[in-house]
Amino acid sequence: MTTDDFLPQFQRQEHDLLEQIDLGRAAGRPHWVDKNEKKLRAVQAIIGALEGDEPAAGSVDAADSRPPESGPARHTLPACP
């Protein structure tokens, strides 16, 4: 379970993962990119839930977070070569 008090931490983690993905692409490491993209999707789902209108006053169970089916994308990841 997490609350929006941790939103800045999740946003920093999102930023760090985006940097790791860029570094992995530049180094030609598709496995590294894939693993970090999976982590990024999980973090973005948590951020989206915390920023959205969730029940229980902004708390969300991080284990149950899934990427949203619709709505605006936070960041679009280009395909790995």
Protein backbone atom coordinates (compact mmCIF):
# COMPACT_ATOMS: atom_id res chain seq x y z
CA MET A 1 0.00 0.00 0.00
CA THR A 2 1.30 3.48 -0.80
CA THR A 3 0.00 7.03 -0.64
CA ASP A 4 0.52 10.19 -2.62
CA ASP A 5 3.12 11.22 -0.01
CA PHE A 6 5.49 9.00 -2.00
CA LEU A 7 4.63 10.51 -5.40
CA PRO A 8 7.90 12.50 -5.66
CA GLN A 9 9.89 9.33 -5.02
CA PHE A 10 8.00 7.44 -7.73
CA GLN A 11 8.52 10.35 -10.12
CA ARG A 12 12.29 10.29 -9.45
CA GLN A 13 12.28 6.55 -10.03
CA GLU A 14 10.45 7.09 -13.32
CA HIS A 15 13.08 9.64 -14.40
CA ASP A 16 15.93 7.30 -13.41
CA LEU A 17 14.39 4.40 -15.32
CA LEU A 18 14.00 6.53 -18.45
CA GLU A 19 17.71 7.37 -18.22
CA GLN A 20 18.61 3.70 -17.76
CA ILE A 21 16.54 2.79 -20.81
CA ASP A 22 18.33 5.41 -22.90
CA LEU A 23 21.71 4.13 -21.71
CA GLY A 24 20.71 0.55 -22.48
CA ARG A 25 19.63 1.47 -25.99
CA ALA A 26 22.86 3.37 -26.59
CA ALA A 27 24.86 0.36 -25.38
CA GLY A 28 22.86 -2.07 -27.53
CA ARG A 29 21.56 -4.04 -24.54
CA PRO A 30 17.97 -5.03 -25.41
CA HIS A 31 17.57 -7.28 -22.35
CA TRP A 32 18.51 -4.36 -20.08
CA VAL A 33 16.06 -2.12 -21.92
CA ASP A 34 13.26 -4.69 -21.67
CA LYS A 35 13.70 -5.18 -17.92
CA ASN A 36 13.77 -1.45 -17.26
CA GLU A 37 10.74 -0.82 -19.49
CA LYS A 38 8.78 -3.37 -17.43
CA LYS A 39 9.79 -1.59 -14.23
CA LEU A 40 8.90 1.75 -15.83
CA ARG A 41 5.39 0.57 -16.73
CA ALA A 42 4.81 -0.56 -13.14
CA VAL A 43 6.05 2.75 -11.73
CA GLN A 44 3.95 4.73 -14.21
CA ALA A 45 0.87 2.74 -13.23
CA ILE A 46 1.45 3.66 -9.60
CA ILE A 47 2.02 7.31 -10.49
CA GLY A 48 -1.14 7.34 -12.60
CA ALA A 49 -3.16 5.82 -9.77
CA LEU A 50 -1.79 8.31 -7.25
CA GLU A 51 -2.44 11.27 -9.55
CA GLY A 52 -5.92 10.05 -10.50
CA ASP A 53 -9.16 9.84 -8.58
CA GLU A 54 -8.54 6.65 -6.63
CA PRO A 55 -10.75 5.57 -3.74
CA ALA A 56 -9.38 5.61 -0.18
CA ALA A 57 -8.11 9.20 -0.32
CA GLY A 58 -5.19 8.77 -2.70
CA SER A 59 -3.87 5.44 -1.46
CA VAL A 60 -3.15 2.61 -3.84
CA ASP A 61 -1.98 -0.96 -3.42
CA ALA A 62 1.26 -0.99 -5.42
CA ALA A 63 1.04 -4.75 -6.01
CA ASP A 64 -2.35 -4.38 -7.68
CA SER A 65 -1.41 -1.46 -9.94
CA ARG A 66 -1.78 -2.16 -13.63
CA PRO A 67 -1.00 0.14 -16.53
CA PRO A 68 -4.11 2.05 -17.54
CA GLU A 69 -6.00 0.70 -20.54
CA SER A 70 -6.79 4.17 -21.79
CA GLY A 71 -6.00 7.78 -21.06
CA PRO A 72 -3.01 9.97 -21.77
CA ALA A 73 0.40 8.29 -21.81
CA ARG A 74 3.03 9.71 -19.48
CA HIS A 75 5.96 8.82 -21.74
CA THR A 76 6.10 6.92 -24.96
CA LEU A 77 8.93 4.43 -25.27
CA PRO A 78 10.40 4.00 -28.73
CA ALA A 79 10.94 0.44 -29.95
CA CYS A 80 14.28 -1.14 -29.20
CA PRO A 81 16.34 -1.76 -32.36
